[in-house]
Amino acid sequence: METDKTNKEILVKGLKKMAISLACMLLGPTFLHISLTNREKPLFIPILIIGIIICFLAMYFAFKGLMTIMDSMFRKKK
């Protein structure tokens, strides 16, 4: 009987996605803070939109990274 082992290639892909998510988790709120403290500046709206997009990307990459890591550990090998 063969035991299931973690697929290391897929695990590394998941960890890379989680690293991207971490970077976005730091950048998104920073952009939001910068834009909300400078409401009178002409770049208020573009920086606010960029910050919101980066926050959504952080959530997306965190979800995809966790799903990839879980697939590497628990997916049945064919």
PDB file of N, CA and C in Angstrom:
ATOM      1  N   MET A   1       0.846  -1.174   0.000  1.00  0.00           N
ATOM      2  CA  MET A   1       0.000   0.000   0.000  1.00  0.00           C
ATOM      3  C   MET A   1       0.895   1.241   0.000  1.00  0.00           C
ATOM      4  N   GLU A   2       0.633   2.117  -0.942  1.00  0.00           N
ATOM      5  CA  GLU A   2       1.443   3.324  -1.097  1.00  0.00           C
ATOM      6  C   GLU A   2       0.813   4.473  -0.318  1.00  0.00           C
ATOM      7  N   THR A   3       1.633   5.198   0.420  1.00  0.00           N
ATOM      8  CA  THR A   3       1.121   6.348   1.164  1.00  0.00           C
ATOM      9  C   THR A   3       1.193   7.599   0.306  1.00  0.00           C
ATOM     10  N   ASP A   4       0.269   8.503   0.530  1.00  0.00           N
ATOM     11  CA  ASP A   4       0.276   9.773  -0.190  1.00  0.00           C
ATOM     12  C   ASP A   4       1.302  10.698   0.426  1.00  0.00           C
ATOM     13  N   LYS A   5       2.106  11.318  -0.421  1.00  0.00           N
ATOM     14  CA  LYS A   5       3.111  12.256   0.048  1.00  0.00           C
ATOM     15  C   LYS A   5       2.797  13.627  -0.519  1.00  0.00           C
ATOM     16  N   THR A   6       3.356  14.629   0.108  1.00  0.00           N
ATOM     17  CA  THR A   6       3.151  15.996  -0.352  1.00  0.00           C
ATOM     18  C   THR A   6       3.905  16.204  -1.657  1.00  0.00           C
ATOM     19  N   ASN A   7       3.203  16.765  -2.638  1.00  0.00           N
ATOM     20  CA  ASN A   7       3.832  17.107  -3.906  1.00  0.00           C
ATOM     21  C   ASN A   7       4.584  18.420  -3.707  1.00  0.00           C
ATOM     22  N   LYS A   8       5.893  18.343  -3.678  1.00  0.00           N
ATOM     23  CA  LYS A   8       6.712  19.502  -3.328  1.00  0.00           C
ATOM     24  C   LYS A   8       6.675  20.604  -4.377  1.00  0.00           C
ATOM     25  N   GLU A   9       6.526  20.252  -5.651  1.00  0.00           N
ATOM     26  CA  GLU A   9       6.463  21.269  -6.701  1.00  0.00           C
ATOM     27  C   GLU A   9       5.215  22.136  -6.545  1.00  0.00           C
ATOM     28  N   ILE A  10       4.099  21.492  -6.270  1.00  0.00           N
ATOM     29  CA  ILE A  10       2.854  22.237  -6.081  1.00  0.00           C
ATOM     30  C   ILE A  10       2.899  23.030  -4.779  1.00  0.00           C
ATOM     31  N   LEU A  11       3.534  22.468  -3.756  1.00  0.00           N
ATOM     32  CA  LEU A  11       3.680  23.173  -2.485  1.00  0.00           C
ATOM     33  C   LEU A  11       4.478  24.465  -2.662  1.00  0.00           C
ATOM     34  N   VAL A  12       5.536  24.419  -3.444  1.00  0.00           N
ATOM     35  CA  VAL A  12       6.353  25.613  -3.675  1.00  0.00           C
ATOM     36  C   VAL A  12       5.539  26.673  -4.422  1.00  0.00           C
ATOM     37  N   LYS A  13       4.722  26.252  -5.390  1.00  0.00           N
ATOM     38  CA  LYS A  13       3.858  27.202  -6.104  1.00  0.00           C
ATOM     39  C   LYS A  13       2.890  27.882  -5.131  1.00  0.00           C
ATOM     40  N   GLY A  14       2.335  27.096  -4.208  1.00  0.00           N
ATOM     41  CA  GLY A  14       1.429  27.660  -3.218  1.00  0.00           C
ATOM     42  C   GLY A  14       2.122  28.635  -2.292  1.00  0.00           C
ATOM     43  N   LEU A  15       3.347  28.325  -1.890  1.00  0.00           N
ATOM     44  CA  LEU A  15       4.091  29.228  -1.020  1.00  0.00           C
ATOM     45  C   LEU A  15       4.463  30.521  -1.733  1.00  0.00           C
ATOM     46  N   LYS A  16       4.732  30.438  -3.038  1.00  0.00           N
ATOM     47  CA  LYS A  16       5.007  31.654  -3.813  1.00  0.00           C
ATOM     48  C   LYS A  16       3.772  32.541  -3.868  1.00  0.00           C
ATOM     49  N   LYS A  17       2.604  31.923  -4.053  1.00  0.00           N
ATOM     50  CA  LYS A  17       1.359  32.699  -4.070  1.00  0.00           C
ATOM     51  C   LYS A  17       1.107  33.345  -2.708  1.00  0.00           C
ATOM     52  N   MET A  18       1.449  32.641  -1.642  1.00  0.00           N
ATOM     53  CA  MET A  18       1.277  33.208  -0.308  1.00  0.00           C
ATOM     54  C   MET A  18       2.255  34.365  -0.066  1.00  0.00           C
ATOM     55  N   ALA A  19       3.444  34.294  -0.643  1.00  0.00           N
ATOM     56  CA  ALA A  19       4.401  35.393  -0.525  1.00  0.00           C
ATOM     57  C   ALA A  19       3.898  36.629  -1.268  1.00  0.00           C
ATOM     58  N   ILE A  20       3.314  36.424  -2.437  1.00  0.00           N
ATOM     59  CA  ILE A  20       2.714  37.541  -3.179  1.00  0.00           C
ATOM     60  C   ILE A  20       1.578  38.143  -2.369  1.00  0.00           C
ATOM     61  N   SER A  21       0.792  37.282  -1.740  1.00  0.00           N
ATOM     62  CA  SER A  21      -0.319  37.757  -0.913  1.00  0.00           C
ATOM     63  C   SER A  21       0.190  38.587   0.260  1.00  0.00           C
ATOM     64  N   LEU A  22       1.269  38.158   0.886  1.00  0.00           N
ATOM     65  CA  LEU A  22       1.836  38.909   2.008  1.00  0.00           C
ATOM     66  C   LEU A  22       2.295  40.288   1.562  1.00  0.00           C
ATOM     67  N   ALA A  23       2.945  40.347   0.408  1.00  0.00           N
ATOM     68  CA  ALA A  23       3.386  41.641  -0.110  1.00  0.00           C
ATOM     69  C   ALA A  23       2.190  42.548  -0.381  1.00  0.00           C
ATOM     70  N   CYS A  24       1.140  41.984  -0.960  1.00  0.00           N
ATOM     71  CA  CYS A  24      -0.064  42.777  -1.231  1.00  0.00           C
ATOM     72  C   CYS A  24      -0.758  43.201   0.061  1.00  0.00           C
ATOM     73  N   MET A  25      -0.696  42.347   1.090  1.00  0.00           N
ATOM     74  CA  MET A  25      -1.297  42.693   2.380  1.00  0.00           C
ATOM     75  C   MET A  25      -0.590  43.882   3.024  1.00  0.00           C
ATOM     76  N   LEU A  26       0.661  44.070   2.713  1.00  0.00           N
ATOM     77  CA  LEU A  26       1.389  45.217   3.241  1.00  0.00           C
ATOM     78  C   LEU A  26       1.219  46.455   2.368  1.00  0.00           C
ATOM     79  N   LEU A  27       1.203  46.269   1.056  1.00  0.00           N
ATOM     80  CA  LEU A  27       1.121  47.409   0.139  1.00  0.00           C
ATOM     81  C   LEU A  27      -0.284  48.022   0.058  1.00  0.00           C
ATOM     82  N   GLY A  28      -1.312  47.178   0.040  1.00  0.00           N
ATOM     83  CA  GLY A  28      -2.683  47.663  -0.124  1.00  0.00           C
ATOM     84  C   GLY A  28      -3.095  48.675   0.938  1.00  0.00           C
ATOM     85  N   PRO A  29      -3.016  48.328   2.221  1.00  0.00           N
ATOM     86  CA  PRO A  29      -3.381  49.291   3.256  1.00  0.00           C
ATOM     87  C   PRO A  29      -2.482  50.533   3.271  1.00  0.00           C
ATOM     88  N   THR A  30      -1.224  50.366   2.862  1.00  0.00           N
ATOM     89  CA  THR A  30      -0.331  51.524   2.785  1.00  0.00           C
ATOM     90  C   THR A  30      -0.829  52.512   1.747  1.00  0.00           C
ATOM     91  N   PHE A  31      -1.194  52.013   0.578  1.00  0.00           N
ATOM     92  CA  PHE A  31      -1.735  52.890  -0.467  1.00  0.00           C
ATOM     93  C   PHE A  31      -3.051  53.527  -0.018  1.00  0.00           C
ATOM     94  N   LEU A  32      -3.900  52.755   0.658  1.00  0.00           N
ATOM     95  CA  LEU A  32      -5.162  53.319   1.149  1.00  0.00           C
ATOM     96  C   LEU A  32      -4.907  54.427   2.164  1.00  0.00           C
ATOM     97  N   HIS A  33      -3.978  54.212   3.062  1.00  0.00           N
ATOM     98  CA  HIS A  33      -3.658  55.228   4.069  1.00  0.00           C
ATOM     99  C   HIS A  33      -3.101  56.492   3.414  1.00  0.00           C
ATOM    100  N   ILE A  34      -2.211  56.308   2.456  1.00  0.00           N
ATOM    101  CA  ILE A  34      -1.623  57.463   1.769  1.00  0.00           C
ATOM    102  C   ILE A  34      -2.703  58.257   1.046  1.00  0.00           C
ATOM    103  N   SER A  35      -3.607  57.555   0.364  1.00  0.00           N
ATOM    104  CA  SER A  35      -4.632  58.275  -0.394  1.00  0.00           C
ATOM    105  C   SER A  35      -5.639  58.957   0.526  1.00  0.00           C
ATOM    106  N   LEU A  36      -6.001  58.317   1.627  1.00  0.00           N
ATOM    107  CA  LEU A  36      -7.017  58.902   2.507  1.00  0.00           C
ATOM    108  C   LEU A  36      -6.478  60.047   3.362  1.00  0.00           C
ATOM    109  N   THR A  37      -5.174  60.119   3.535  1.00  0.00           N
ATOM    110  CA  THR A  37      -4.621  61.250   4.281  1.00  0.00           C
ATOM    111  C   THR A  37      -4.326  62.452   3.386  1.00  0.00           C
ATOM    112  N   ASN A  38      -4.374  62.260   2.077  1.00  0.00           N
ATOM    113  CA  ASN A  38      -4.114  63.348   1.136  1.00  0.00           C
ATOM    114  C   ASN A  38      -5.310  63.544   0.203  1.00  0.00           C
ATOM    115  N   ARG A  39      -6.460  63.832   0.765  1.00  0.00           N
ATOM    116  CA  ARG A  39      -7.678  63.952  -0.053  1.00  0.00           C
ATOM    117  C   ARG A  39      -7.673  65.159  -0.976  1.00  0.00           C
ATOM    118  N   GLU A  40      -6.910  66.180  -0.657  1.00  0.00           N
ATOM    119  CA  GLU A  40      -6.911  67.386  -1.483  1.00  0.00           C
ATOM    120  C   GLU A  40      -5.963  67.288  -2.674  1.00  0.00           C
ATOM    121  N   LYS A  41      -5.142  66.256  -2.731  1.00  0.00           N
ATOM    122  CA  LYS A  41      -4.180  66.080  -3.823  1.00  0.00           C
ATOM    123  C   LYS A  41      -4.890  65.583  -5.082  1.00  0.00           C
ATOM    124  N   PRO A  42      -4.346  65.876  -6.262  1.00  0.00           N
ATOM    125  CA  PRO A  42      -4.998  65.451  -7.499  1.00  0.00           C
ATOM    126  C   PRO A  42      -4.921  63.936  -7.749  1.00  0.00           C
ATOM    127  N   LEU A  43      -3.989  63.236  -7.119  1.00  0.00           N
ATOM    128  CA  LEU A  43      -3.868  61.792  -7.328  1.00  0.00           C
ATOM    129  C   LEU A  43      -4.636  60.972  -6.292  1.00  0.00           C
ATOM    130  N   PHE A  44      -5.565  61.600  -5.584  1.00  0.00           N
ATOM    131  CA  PHE A  44      -6.331  60.914  -4.543  1.00  0.00           C
ATOM    132  C   PHE A  44      -7.084  59.712  -5.106  1.00  0.00           C
ATOM    133  N   ILE A  45      -7.857  59.899  -6.156  1.00  0.00           N
ATOM    134  CA  ILE A  45      -8.689  58.826  -6.709  1.00  0.00           C
ATOM    135  C   ILE A  45      -7.847  57.704  -7.321  1.00  0.00           C
ATOM    136  N   PRO A  46      -6.833  57.988  -8.158  1.00  0.00           N
ATOM    137  CA  PRO A  46      -6.047  56.869  -8.707  1.00  0.00           C
ATOM    138  C   PRO A  46      -5.332  56.038  -7.637  1.00  0.00           C
ATOM    139  N   ILE A  47      -4.784  56.679  -6.624  1.00  0.00           N
ATOM    140  CA  ILE A  47      -4.087  55.927  -5.576  1.00  0.00           C
ATOM    141  C   ILE A  47      -5.086  55.128  -4.739  1.00  0.00           C
ATOM    142  N   LEU A  48      -6.274  55.677  -4.515  1.00  0.00           N
ATOM    143  CA  LEU A  48      -7.315  54.953  -3.790  1.00  0.00           C
ATOM    144  C   LEU A  48      -7.732  53.705  -4.565  1.00  0.00           C
ATOM    145  N   ILE A  49      -7.910  53.830  -5.863  1.00  0.00           N
ATOM    146  CA  ILE A  49      -8.301  52.684  -6.696  1.00  0.00           C
ATOM    147  C   ILE A  49      -7.196  51.635  -6.703  1.00  0.00           C
ATOM    148  N   ILE A  50      -5.959  52.057  -6.826  1.00  0.00           N
ATOM    149  CA  ILE A  50      -4.831  51.117  -6.801  1.00  0.00           C
ATOM    150  C   ILE A  50      -4.778  50.382  -5.460  1.00  0.00           C
ATOM    151  N   GLY A  51      -4.996  51.102  -4.361  1.00  0.00           N
ATOM    152  CA  GLY A  51      -4.989  50.479  -3.039  1.00  0.00           C
ATOM    153  C   GLY A  51      -6.089  49.445  -2.880  1.00  0.00           C
ATOM    154  N   ILE A  52      -7.278  49.747  -3.384  1.00  0.00           N
ATOM    155  CA  ILE A  52      -8.401  48.801  -3.297  1.00  0.00           C
ATOM    156  C   ILE A  52      -8.115  47.565  -4.139  1.00  0.00           C
ATOM    157  N   ILE A  53      -7.577  47.757  -5.332  1.00  0.00           N
ATOM    158  CA  ILE A  53      -7.246  46.623  -6.201  1.00  0.00           C
ATOM    159  C   ILE A  53      -6.185  45.735  -5.551  1.00  0.00           C
ATOM    160  N   ILE A  54      -5.176  46.348  -4.948  1.00  0.00           N
ATOM    161  CA  ILE A  54      -4.126  45.565  -4.290  1.00  0.00           C
ATOM    162  C   ILE A  54      -4.691  44.791  -3.102  1.00  0.00           C
ATOM    163  N   CYS A  55      -5.634  45.376  -2.360  1.00  0.00           N
ATOM    164  CA  CYS A  55      -6.260  44.651  -1.246  1.00  0.00           C
ATOM    165  C   CYS A  55      -7.039  43.435  -1.744  1.00  0.00           C
ATOM    166  N   PHE A  56      -7.769  43.598  -2.849  1.00  0.00           N
ATOM    167  CA  PHE A  56      -8.495  42.461  -3.408  1.00  0.00           C
ATOM    168  C   PHE A  56      -7.520  41.397  -3.942  1.00  0.00           C
ATOM    169  N   LEU A  57      -6.403  41.825  -4.520  1.00  0.00           N
ATOM    170  CA  LEU A  57      -5.400  40.868  -4.985  1.00  0.00           C
ATOM    171  C   LEU A  57      -4.803  40.085  -3.818  1.00  0.00           C
ATOM    172  N   ALA A  58      -4.637  40.746  -2.672  1.00  0.00           N
ATOM    173  CA  ALA A  58      -4.123  40.050  -1.488  1.00  0.00           C
ATOM    174  C   ALA A  58      -5.075  38.932  -1.065  1.00  0.00           C
ATOM    175  N   MET A  59      -6.365  39.214  -1.061  1.00  0.00           N
ATOM    176  CA  MET A  59      -7.343  38.181  -0.707  1.00  0.00           C
ATOM    177  C   MET A  59      -7.352  37.058  -1.733  1.00  0.00           C
ATOM    178  N   TYR A  60      -7.273  37.416  -3.017  1.00  0.00           N
ATOM    179  CA  TYR A  60      -7.288  36.415  -4.087  1.00  0.00           C
ATOM    180  C   TYR A  60      -6.079  35.492  -3.988  1.00  0.00           C
ATOM    181  N   PHE A  61      -4.873  36.078  -3.858  1.00  0.00           N
ATOM    182  CA  PHE A  61      -3.673  35.255  -3.795  1.00  0.00           C
ATOM    183  C   PHE A  61      -3.616  34.435  -2.510  1.00  0.00           C
ATOM    184  N   ALA A  62      -4.152  34.940  -1.411  1.00  0.00           N
ATOM    185  CA  ALA A  62      -4.186  34.147  -0.173  1.00  0.00           C
ATOM    186  C   ALA A  62      -5.089  32.924  -0.369  1.00  0.00           C
ATOM    187  N   PHE A  63      -6.248  33.126  -0.970  1.00  0.00           N
ATOM    188  CA  PHE A  63      -7.170  32.013  -1.207  1.00  0.00           C
ATOM    189  C   PHE A  63      -6.546  30.997  -2.160  1.00  0.00           C
ATOM    190  N   LYS A  64      -6.003  31.474  -3.288  1.00  0.00           N
ATOM    191  CA  LYS A  64      -5.414  30.561  -4.266  1.00  0.00           C
ATOM    192  C   LYS A  64      -4.184  29.855  -3.683  1.00  0.00           C
ATOM    193  N   GLY A  65      -3.398  30.552  -2.888  1.00  0.00           N
ATOM    194  CA  GLY A  65      -2.229  29.939  -2.273  1.00  0.00           C
ATOM    195  C   GLY A  65      -2.606  28.849  -1.292  1.00  0.00           C
ATOM    196  N   LEU A  66      -3.607  29.116  -0.452  1.00  0.00           N
ATOM    197  CA  LEU A  66      -4.054  28.096   0.496  1.00  0.00           C
ATOM    198  C   LEU A  66      -4.645  26.890  -0.220  1.00  0.00           C
ATOM    199  N   MET A  67      -5.412  27.136  -1.273  1.00  0.00           N
ATOM    200  CA  MET A  67      -5.990  26.026  -2.030  1.00  0.00           C
ATOM    201  C   MET A  67      -4.893  25.198  -2.704  1.00  0.00           C
ATOM    202  N   THR A  68      -3.864  25.852  -3.215  1.00  0.00           N
ATOM    203  CA  THR A  68      -2.764  25.135  -3.853  1.00  0.00           C
ATOM    204  C   THR A  68      -1.985  24.310  -2.833  1.00  0.00           C
ATOM    205  N   ILE A  69      -1.750  24.875  -1.658  1.00  0.00           N
ATOM    206  CA  ILE A  69      -1.046  24.135  -0.605  1.00  0.00           C
ATOM    207  C   ILE A  69      -1.876  22.934  -0.159  1.00  0.00           C
ATOM    208  N   MET A  70      -3.159  23.125  -0.001  1.00  0.00           N
ATOM    209  CA  MET A  70      -4.020  22.012   0.409  1.00  0.00           C
ATOM    210  C   MET A  70      -4.056  20.929  -0.675  1.00  0.00           C
ATOM    211  N   ASP A  71      -4.081  21.345  -1.939  1.00  0.00           N
ATOM    212  CA  ASP A  71      -4.051  20.367  -3.020  1.00  0.00           C
ATOM    213  C   ASP A  71      -2.747  19.573  -3.020  1.00  0.00           C
ATOM    214  N   SER A  72      -1.652  20.218  -2.703  1.00  0.00           N
ATOM    215  CA  SER A  72      -0.371  19.513  -2.697  1.00  0.00           C
ATOM    216  C   SER A  72      -0.325  18.462  -1.592  1.00  0.00           C
ATOM    217  N   MET A  73      -1.056  18.684  -0.522  1.00  0.00           N
ATOM    218  CA  MET A  73      -1.010  17.741   0.603  1.00  0.00           C
ATOM    219  C   MET A  73      -2.076  16.649   0.527  1.00  0.00           C
ATOM    220  N   PHE A  74      -3.280  16.991   0.070  1.00  0.00           N
ATOM    221  CA  PHE A  74      -4.398  16.072   0.213  1.00  0.00           C
ATOM    222  C   PHE A  74      -4.989  15.552  -1.080  1.00  0.00           C
ATOM    223  N   ARG A  75      -4.534  16.025  -2.228  1.00  0.00           N
ATOM    224  CA  ARG A  75      -5.086  15.534  -3.494  1.00  0.00           C
ATOM    225  C   ARG A  75      -4.607  14.126  -3.755  1.00  0.00           C
ATOM    226  N   LYS A  76      -5.530  13.282  -4.192  1.00  0.00           N
ATOM    227  CA  LYS A  76      -5.178  11.898  -4.505  1.00  0.00           C
ATOM    228  C   LYS A  76      -4.342  11.856  -5.772  1.00  0.00           C
ATOM    229  N   LYS A  77      -3.314  11.055  -5.756  1.00  0.00           N
ATOM    230  CA  LYS A  77      -2.460  10.866  -6.911  1.00  0.00           C
ATOM    231  C   LYS A  77      -3.114   9.837  -7.840  1.00  0.00           C
ATOM    232  N   LYS A  78      -3.068  10.105  -9.140  1.00  0.00           N
ATOM    233  CA  LYS A  78      -3.663   9.155 -10.086  1.00  0.00           C
ATOM    234  C   LYS A  78      -2.601   8.327 -10.746  1.00  0.00           C
TER     235      LYS A  78
END
